[in-house]
Amino acid sequence: MAFEVRYSAEAERNLDDILLWLMVERQAGETGLRWFQGLQTRVATLAEMPERCPLAAESSSLGLPVRLLLYGRRPRVYRILFTIDGEVVHILAIRRPYEEAPSMHGA
């Protein structure tokens, strides 16, 4: 079963911020673009079997089954937080290492 993957407004802002950070602050060039494309590819894998991902620690405090997909290498592991609603995967937020949980305003 294929799921539709949708980004919340917050997750889209997160992607914009990550790309800006890579290209402007880090001046990562082609390497940064490849890494960013890898992040997007990793998110796209949620179209197949998103249930394979564990519940995030935030689930209990939010009262929602928020799941977690990781991308990157330690210590720079990014956290992709999402929910599943029927046949739709909702990407809530993409957090940089050491960043807080999503605000859940758009959930």
C-alpha atoms as a PDB file:
ATOM      1  CA  MET A   1       0.000   0.000   0.000  1.00  0.00           C
ATOM      2  CA  ALA A   2       1.409   3.371  -1.004  1.00  0.00           C
ATOM      3  CA  PHE A   3       0.909   6.318   1.307  1.00  0.00           C
ATOM      4  CA  GLU A   4       0.729   9.967   0.298  1.00  0.00           C
ATOM      5  CA  VAL A   5       3.405  12.046   2.034  1.00  0.00           C
ATOM      6  CA  ARG A   6       2.386  15.609   2.936  1.00  0.00           C
ATOM      7  CA  TYR A   7       4.472  18.302   4.590  1.00  0.00           C
ATOM      8  CA  SER A   8       3.013  20.652   7.187  1.00  0.00           C
ATOM      9  CA  ALA A   9       3.791  24.353   6.871  1.00  0.00           C
ATOM     10  CA  GLU A  10       6.239  23.957   9.756  1.00  0.00           C
ATOM     11  CA  ALA A  11       8.043  21.068   8.032  1.00  0.00           C
ATOM     12  CA  GLU A  12       8.317  23.114   4.826  1.00  0.00           C
ATOM     13  CA  ARG A  13       9.832  25.984   6.831  1.00  0.00           C
ATOM     14  CA  ASN A  14      12.236  23.501   8.406  1.00  0.00           C
ATOM     15  CA  LEU A  15      13.360  22.347   4.954  1.00  0.00           C
ATOM     16  CA  ASP A  16      13.836  25.954   3.812  1.00  0.00           C
ATOM     17  CA  ASP A  17      15.867  26.736   6.938  1.00  0.00           C
ATOM     18  CA  ILE A  18      18.041  23.638   6.512  1.00  0.00           C
ATOM     19  CA  LEU A  19      18.751  24.437   2.865  1.00  0.00           C
ATOM     20  CA  LEU A  20      19.550  28.070   3.679  1.00  0.00           C
ATOM     21  CA  TRP A  21      21.879  26.980   6.475  1.00  0.00           C
ATOM     22  CA  LEU A  22      23.664  24.499   4.197  1.00  0.00           C
ATOM     23  CA  MET A  23      24.095  26.858   1.260  1.00  0.00           C
ATOM     24  CA  VAL A  24      24.705  30.201   2.981  1.00  0.00           C
ATOM     25  CA  GLU A  25      26.141  29.576   6.425  1.00  0.00           C
ATOM     26  CA  ARG A  26      28.013  26.365   5.646  1.00  0.00           C
ATOM     27  CA  GLN A  27      28.657  27.174   1.972  1.00  0.00           C
ATOM     28  CA  ALA A  28      28.327  23.447   1.355  1.00  0.00           C
ATOM     29  CA  GLY A  29      27.862  23.679  -2.430  1.00  0.00           C
ATOM     30  CA  GLU A  30      27.272  20.450  -4.345  1.00  0.00           C
ATOM     31  CA  THR A  31      27.963  18.328  -1.270  1.00  0.00           C
ATOM     32  CA  GLY A  32      25.276  20.201   0.641  1.00  0.00           C
ATOM     33  CA  LEU A  33      22.800  19.818  -2.202  1.00  0.00           C
ATOM     34  CA  ARG A  34      23.434  16.067  -2.368  1.00  0.00           C
ATOM     35  CA  TRP A  35      22.935  15.790   1.395  1.00  0.00           C
ATOM     36  CA  PHE A  36      19.700  17.803   1.180  1.00  0.00           C
ATOM     37  CA  GLN A  37      18.419  15.642  -1.685  1.00  0.00           C
ATOM     38  CA  GLY A  38      19.246  12.600   0.416  1.00  0.00           C
ATOM     39  CA  LEU A  39      17.116  14.016   3.218  1.00  0.00           C
ATOM     40  CA  GLN A  40      14.200  14.472   0.833  1.00  0.00           C
ATOM     41  CA  THR A  41      14.692  10.953  -0.519  1.00  0.00           C
ATOM     42  CA  ARG A  42      14.692   9.577   3.021  1.00  0.00           C
ATOM     43  CA  VAL A  43      11.376  11.331   3.747  1.00  0.00           C
ATOM     44  CA  ALA A  44       9.927   9.943   0.507  1.00  0.00           C
ATOM     45  CA  THR A  45      10.573   6.394   1.781  1.00  0.00           C
ATOM     46  CA  LEU A  46       7.663   6.963   4.159  1.00  0.00           C
ATOM     47  CA  ALA A  47       5.336   6.344   1.212  1.00  0.00           C
ATOM     48  CA  GLU A  48       6.040   2.654   1.843  1.00  0.00           C
ATOM     49  CA  MET A  49       5.581   1.110   5.279  1.00  0.00           C
ATOM     50  CA  PRO A  50       5.723   4.213   7.507  1.00  0.00           C
ATOM     51  CA  GLU A  51       4.673   2.006  10.433  1.00  0.00           C
ATOM     52  CA  ARG A  52       8.208   0.589  10.423  1.00  0.00           C
ATOM     53  CA  CYS A  53       9.321   3.700  12.293  1.00  0.00           C
ATOM     54  CA  PRO A  54       9.108   3.751  16.083  1.00  0.00           C
ATOM     55  CA  LEU A  55       7.014   6.117  18.126  1.00  0.00           C
ATOM     56  CA  ALA A  56       8.872   9.269  19.113  1.00  0.00           C
ATOM     57  CA  ALA A  57       9.413  10.103  22.773  1.00  0.00           C
ATOM     58  CA  GLU A  58       7.083  13.090  22.270  1.00  0.00           C
ATOM     59  CA  SER A  59       4.107  10.794  21.614  1.00  0.00           C
ATOM     60  CA  SER A  60       3.254  10.287  25.267  1.00  0.00           C
ATOM     61  CA  SER A  61       3.307  13.974  26.190  1.00  0.00           C
ATOM     62  CA  LEU A  62       1.424  15.052  23.053  1.00  0.00           C
ATOM     63  CA  GLY A  63      -1.198  12.332  23.215  1.00  0.00           C
ATOM     64  CA  LEU A  64      -0.610  11.570  19.529  1.00  0.00           C
ATOM     65  CA  PRO A  65       1.115   8.626  17.867  1.00  0.00           C
ATOM     66  CA  VAL A  66       4.019  10.715  16.518  1.00  0.00           C
ATOM     67  CA  ARG A  67       6.588   8.571  14.755  1.00  0.00           C
ATOM     68  CA  LEU A  68      10.268   9.149  14.172  1.00  0.00           C
ATOM     69  CA  LEU A  69      12.513   8.687  11.130  1.00  0.00           C
ATOM     70  CA  LEU A  70      16.217   9.516  11.420  1.00  0.00           C
ATOM     71  CA  TYR A  71      18.567  10.916   8.794  1.00  0.00           C
ATOM     72  CA  GLY A  72      22.270  11.632   9.017  1.00  0.00           C
ATOM     73  CA  ARG A  73      25.245  10.412  10.998  1.00  0.00           C
ATOM     74  CA  ARG A  74      26.053  10.996  14.623  1.00  0.00           C
ATOM     75  CA  PRO A  75      26.327  13.546  16.041  1.00  0.00           C
ATOM     76  CA  ARG A  76      24.366  15.293  13.253  1.00  0.00           C
ATOM     77  CA  VAL A  77      21.237  13.158  13.156  1.00  0.00           C
ATOM     78  CA  TYR A  78      18.101  14.900  11.973  1.00  0.00           C
ATOM     79  CA  ARG A  79      14.721  13.824  13.344  1.00  0.00           C
ATOM     80  CA  ILE A  80      11.753  13.599  10.980  1.00  0.00           C
ATOM     81  CA  LEU A  81       8.565  13.608  13.050  1.00  0.00           C
ATOM     82  CA  PHE A  82       5.330  12.462  11.465  1.00  0.00           C
ATOM     83  CA  THR A  83       1.890  10.982  11.991  1.00  0.00           C
ATOM     84  CA  ILE A  84      -0.098   8.525   9.914  1.00  0.00           C
ATOM     85  CA  ASP A  85      -3.746   9.253   9.165  1.00  0.00           C
ATOM     86  CA  GLY A  86      -5.343   6.604   6.995  1.00  0.00           C
ATOM     87  CA  GLU A  87      -3.327   6.591   3.776  1.00  0.00           C
ATOM     88  CA  VAL A  88      -1.587   9.916   4.449  1.00  0.00           C
ATOM     89  CA  VAL A  89       1.744  10.474   6.188  1.00  0.00           C
ATOM     90  CA  HIS A  90       1.850  13.969   7.677  1.00  0.00           C
ATOM     91  CA  ILE A  91       5.389  15.303   8.131  1.00  0.00           C
ATOM     92  CA  LEU A  92       5.066  17.534  11.185  1.00  0.00           C
ATOM     93  CA  ALA A  93       8.628  18.766  11.549  1.00  0.00           C
ATOM     94  CA  ILE A  94      12.228  18.092  10.634  1.00  0.00           C
ATOM     95  CA  ARG A  95      14.442  18.807  13.596  1.00  0.00           C
ATOM     96  CA  ARG A  96      18.137  19.455  13.620  1.00  0.00           C
ATOM     97  CA  PRO A  97      20.252  17.738  16.243  1.00  0.00           C
ATOM     98  CA  TYR A  98      19.456  19.030  19.748  1.00  0.00           C
ATOM     99  CA  GLU A  99      16.338  20.863  18.551  1.00  0.00           C
ATOM    100  CA  GLU A 100      13.065  20.686  20.474  1.00  0.00           C
ATOM    101  CA  ALA A 101       9.949  18.747  19.501  1.00  0.00           C
ATOM    102  CA  PRO A 102       7.458  20.271  17.058  1.00  0.00           C
ATOM    103  CA  SER A 103       4.979  22.794  18.360  1.00  0.00           C
ATOM    104  CA  MET A 104       2.171  20.747  16.785  1.00  0.00           C
ATOM    105  CA  HIS A 105       0.246  23.888  15.757  1.00  0.00           C
ATOM    106  CA  GLY A 106      -0.387  22.488  12.284  1.00  0.00           C
ATOM    107  CA  ALA A 107      -1.171  18.938  13.382  1.00  0.00           C
END
